[in-house]
Every structure is written in C-alpha cells, then in structure tokens.
C-alpha cells in the first residue's frame, strides 16, 4: 500500500505552521467591531491548527497500520 499521499499530509504541517505564524501577530486597532473580527480570526486560526494536528495524527496512524499489516503479511501471521 502506498503511503506517499499520507506522508504529504504530514509534510503539509510545516505550511500550516507558517500560515499560523503569519496570522498570529495581527495587531489590535479600532473599535469593538474590529476586536470582534480579530476574535473570529483567532478562533479560525486555532481551529485550522487543531484540524491540521488531528489530520497529521490520523496520517501517522495510517502509516503505522500500513507498516504493521505489511510486516504481518511478510511474517505470515
């Protein structure tokens, strides 16, 4: 079983972290509407990072399971 696409998911973590860093230093300016907007952006940023981390965890489990299944097939279990 090819784990290449699964490795791509894990490799994309770096791009997500870069995006997270770009969004992080947003300055607070203006009135209450701007604060509300900033709060929404921060919430979106945190959710993107959470989804990315969960996706990488799933990809790692997939790779582990693939290698485990492959090893079991080789050893005849």
N, C-alpha and C. Protein backbone atom coordinates (compact mmCIF):
# COMPACT_ATOMS: atom_id res chain seq x y z
N UNK A 1 0.85 -1.19 0.00
CA UNK A 1 0.00 0.00 0.00
C UNK A 1 0.89 1.25 0.00
N UNK A 2 0.56 2.20 -0.84
CA UNK A 2 1.34 3.43 -0.99
C UNK A 2 1.00 4.42 0.12
N UNK A 3 2.00 4.84 0.87
CA UNK A 3 1.79 5.81 1.94
C UNK A 3 2.25 7.21 1.54
N UNK A 4 2.59 7.39 0.26
CA UNK A 4 3.05 8.70 -0.23
C UNK A 4 2.09 9.84 0.06
N UNK A 5 0.81 9.69 -0.31
CA UNK A 5 -0.14 10.76 -0.01
C UNK A 5 -0.29 11.03 1.48
N UNK A 6 -0.16 9.97 2.27
CA UNK A 6 -0.25 10.14 3.72
C UNK A 6 0.95 10.92 4.24
N UNK A 7 2.12 10.65 3.69
CA UNK A 7 3.31 11.43 4.06
C UNK A 7 3.15 12.90 3.65
N UNK A 8 2.49 13.14 2.53
CA UNK A 8 2.25 14.52 2.08
C UNK A 8 1.42 15.28 3.11
N UNK A 9 0.45 14.60 3.71
CA UNK A 9 -0.39 15.24 4.73
C UNK A 9 0.49 15.68 5.90
N UNK A 10 1.38 14.83 6.32
CA UNK A 10 2.27 15.16 7.44
C UNK A 10 3.22 16.29 7.05
N UNK A 11 3.73 16.23 5.82
CA UNK A 11 4.65 17.28 5.35
C UNK A 11 3.97 18.65 5.27
N UNK A 12 2.68 18.67 5.06
CA UNK A 12 1.92 19.92 4.95
C UNK A 12 1.84 20.64 6.29
N UNK A 13 2.14 19.93 7.38
CA UNK A 13 2.13 20.55 8.70
C UNK A 13 3.00 21.80 8.74
N UNK A 14 4.13 21.78 8.07
CA UNK A 14 5.02 22.95 8.05
C UNK A 14 4.35 24.15 7.42
N UNK A 15 3.61 23.93 6.34
CA UNK A 15 2.90 25.04 5.68
C UNK A 15 1.82 25.60 6.60
N UNK A 16 1.14 24.71 7.31
CA UNK A 16 0.09 25.16 8.24
C UNK A 16 0.72 25.98 9.37
N UNK A 17 1.86 25.53 9.88
CA UNK A 17 2.53 26.29 10.94
C UNK A 17 2.97 27.67 10.45
N UNK A 18 3.44 27.73 9.20
CA UNK A 18 3.81 29.03 8.62
C UNK A 18 2.60 29.95 8.52
N UNK A 19 1.49 29.40 8.06
CA UNK A 19 0.25 30.18 7.98
C UNK A 19 -0.16 30.66 9.37
N UNK A 20 -0.07 29.78 10.34
CA UNK A 20 -0.40 30.12 11.73
C UNK A 20 0.45 31.28 12.21
N UNK A 21 1.75 31.23 11.90
CA UNK A 21 2.66 32.30 12.31
C UNK A 21 2.34 33.62 11.62
N UNK A 22 1.93 33.55 10.36
CA UNK A 22 1.56 34.76 9.64
C UNK A 22 0.32 35.42 10.22
N UNK A 23 -0.62 34.60 10.67
CA UNK A 23 -1.87 35.13 11.21
C UNK A 23 -1.69 35.59 12.65
N UNK A 24 -0.76 35.02 13.39
CA UNK A 24 -0.61 35.28 14.82
C UNK A 24 -0.37 36.75 15.18
N UNK A 25 0.54 37.47 14.53
CA UNK A 25 0.85 38.81 15.02
C UNK A 25 -0.13 39.91 14.58
N UNK A 26 -1.37 39.56 14.35
CA UNK A 26 -2.33 40.58 13.93
C UNK A 26 -2.47 41.65 15.02
N UNK A 27 -2.34 42.90 14.63
CA UNK A 27 -2.47 43.98 15.62
C UNK A 27 -3.94 44.26 15.97
N UNK A 28 -4.14 44.80 17.15
CA UNK A 28 -5.49 45.21 17.57
C UNK A 28 -5.60 46.71 17.36
N UNK A 29 -6.52 47.09 16.49
CA UNK A 29 -6.77 48.51 16.19
C UNK A 29 -8.27 48.74 16.16
N UNK A 30 -8.65 49.97 16.36
CA UNK A 30 -10.02 50.37 16.09
C UNK A 30 -11.00 50.09 17.21
N UNK A 31 -12.29 50.05 16.82
CA UNK A 31 -13.37 49.95 17.78
C UNK A 31 -13.74 48.49 18.07
N UNK A 32 -14.86 48.33 18.74
CA UNK A 32 -15.29 47.00 19.19
C UNK A 32 -15.54 46.05 18.02
N UNK A 33 -15.99 46.56 16.87
CA UNK A 33 -16.20 45.70 15.71
C UNK A 33 -14.90 45.05 15.25
N UNK A 34 -13.82 45.82 15.30
CA UNK A 34 -12.52 45.28 14.91
C UNK A 34 -12.06 44.20 15.90
N UNK A 35 -12.35 44.38 17.18
CA UNK A 35 -11.99 43.39 18.18
C UNK A 35 -12.77 42.10 17.93
N UNK A 36 -14.02 42.24 17.57
CA UNK A 36 -14.84 41.08 17.24
C UNK A 36 -14.28 40.34 16.03
N UNK A 37 -13.87 41.09 15.04
CA UNK A 37 -13.27 40.49 13.85
C UNK A 37 -11.98 39.77 14.21
N UNK A 38 -11.16 40.40 15.02
CA UNK A 38 -9.91 39.79 15.44
C UNK A 38 -10.18 38.50 16.21
N UNK A 39 -11.16 38.52 17.08
CA UNK A 39 -11.52 37.32 17.84
C UNK A 39 -11.92 36.20 16.91
N UNK A 40 -12.71 36.51 15.89
CA UNK A 40 -13.12 35.49 14.92
C UNK A 40 -11.92 34.94 14.14
N UNK A 41 -11.00 35.82 13.76
CA UNK A 41 -9.81 35.38 13.02
C UNK A 41 -8.96 34.46 13.90
N UNK A 42 -8.79 34.83 15.16
CA UNK A 42 -8.00 34.00 16.07
C UNK A 42 -8.67 32.64 16.26
N UNK A 43 -9.99 32.62 16.37
CA UNK A 43 -10.72 31.36 16.50
C UNK A 43 -10.53 30.48 15.27
N UNK A 44 -10.62 31.08 14.10
CA UNK A 44 -10.39 30.34 12.85
C UNK A 44 -8.97 29.80 12.82
N UNK A 45 -8.01 30.64 13.19
CA UNK A 45 -6.61 30.23 13.21
C UNK A 45 -6.40 29.02 14.12
N UNK A 46 -6.96 29.07 15.31
CA UNK A 46 -6.81 27.96 16.26
C UNK A 46 -7.47 26.69 15.74
N UNK A 47 -8.63 26.83 15.11
CA UNK A 47 -9.32 25.67 14.56
C UNK A 47 -8.55 25.05 13.40
N UNK A 48 -7.96 25.87 12.55
CA UNK A 48 -7.14 25.35 11.45
C UNK A 48 -5.97 24.54 12.01
N UNK A 49 -5.31 25.06 13.04
CA UNK A 49 -4.18 24.34 13.64
C UNK A 49 -4.66 23.04 14.28
N UNK A 50 -5.78 23.07 14.94
CA UNK A 50 -6.31 21.86 15.58
C UNK A 50 -6.65 20.79 14.54
N UNK A 51 -7.33 21.20 13.47
CA UNK A 51 -7.68 20.26 12.40
C UNK A 51 -6.41 19.70 11.76
N UNK A 52 -5.42 20.55 11.55
CA UNK A 52 -4.16 20.11 10.96
C UNK A 52 -3.47 19.08 11.85
N UNK A 53 -3.44 19.33 13.15
CA UNK A 53 -2.82 18.38 14.08
C UNK A 53 -3.56 17.05 14.09
N UNK A 54 -4.88 17.09 14.11
CA UNK A 54 -5.66 15.86 14.09
C UNK A 54 -5.45 15.09 12.78
N UNK A 55 -5.38 15.81 11.68
CA UNK A 55 -5.15 15.18 10.38
C UNK A 55 -3.79 14.49 10.35
N UNK A 56 -2.78 15.15 10.89
CA UNK A 56 -1.44 14.54 10.94
C UNK A 56 -1.44 13.30 11.84
N UNK A 57 -2.18 13.37 12.94
CA UNK A 57 -2.28 12.20 13.82
C UNK A 57 -2.92 11.02 13.08
N UNK A 58 -3.97 11.28 12.34
CA UNK A 58 -4.64 10.23 11.57
C UNK A 58 -3.70 9.66 10.51
N UNK A 59 -2.95 10.54 9.85
CA UNK A 59 -1.99 10.09 8.83
C UNK A 59 -0.92 9.20 9.45
N UNK A 60 -0.42 9.57 10.62
CA UNK A 60 0.58 8.75 11.29
C UNK A 60 0.02 7.38 11.66
N UNK A 61 -1.22 7.35 12.13
CA UNK A 61 -1.86 6.06 12.44
C UNK A 61 -2.00 5.20 11.19
N UNK A 62 -2.34 5.83 10.08
CA UNK A 62 -2.48 5.12 8.81
C UNK A 62 -1.15 4.51 8.39
N UNK A 63 -0.07 5.28 8.50
CA UNK A 63 1.25 4.78 8.14
C UNK A 63 1.63 3.62 9.05
N UNK A 64 1.43 3.80 10.36
CA UNK A 64 1.76 2.73 11.30
C UNK A 64 0.97 1.46 10.98
N UNK A 65 -0.30 1.60 10.71
CA UNK A 65 -1.13 0.44 10.41
C UNK A 65 -0.71 -0.22 9.10
N UNK A 66 -0.33 0.58 8.13
CA UNK A 66 0.13 0.04 6.85
C UNK A 66 1.39 -0.80 7.03
N UNK A 67 2.36 -0.26 7.78
CA UNK A 67 3.60 -1.00 8.01
C UNK A 67 3.36 -2.23 8.88
N UNK A 68 2.45 -2.11 9.85
CA UNK A 68 2.14 -3.25 10.70
C UNK A 68 1.51 -4.36 9.87
N UNK A 69 0.56 -4.03 9.01
CA UNK A 69 -0.10 -5.01 8.15
C UNK A 69 0.91 -5.63 7.18
N UNK A 70 1.77 -4.81 6.64
CA UNK A 70 2.80 -5.29 5.72
C UNK A 70 3.73 -6.27 6.42
N UNK A 71 4.13 -5.94 7.64
CA UNK A 71 5.02 -6.82 8.41
C UNK A 71 4.33 -8.14 8.74
N UNK A 72 3.06 -8.08 9.10
CA UNK A 72 2.31 -9.29 9.41
C UNK A 72 2.18 -10.19 8.16
N UNK A 73 1.98 -9.59 7.01
CA UNK A 73 1.87 -10.36 5.77
C UNK A 73 3.20 -11.05 5.44
N UNK A 74 4.30 -10.37 5.70
CA UNK A 74 5.61 -10.93 5.42
C UNK A 74 5.92 -12.10 6.37
N UNK A 75 5.59 -11.90 7.65
CA UNK A 75 5.92 -12.92 8.64
C UNK A 75 4.90 -14.07 8.66
N UNK A 76 3.81 -13.91 7.92
CA UNK A 76 2.82 -15.00 7.80
C UNK A 76 1.85 -15.10 8.94
N UNK A 77 1.67 -14.05 9.71
CA UNK A 77 0.73 -14.10 10.82
C UNK A 77 -0.68 -13.89 10.35
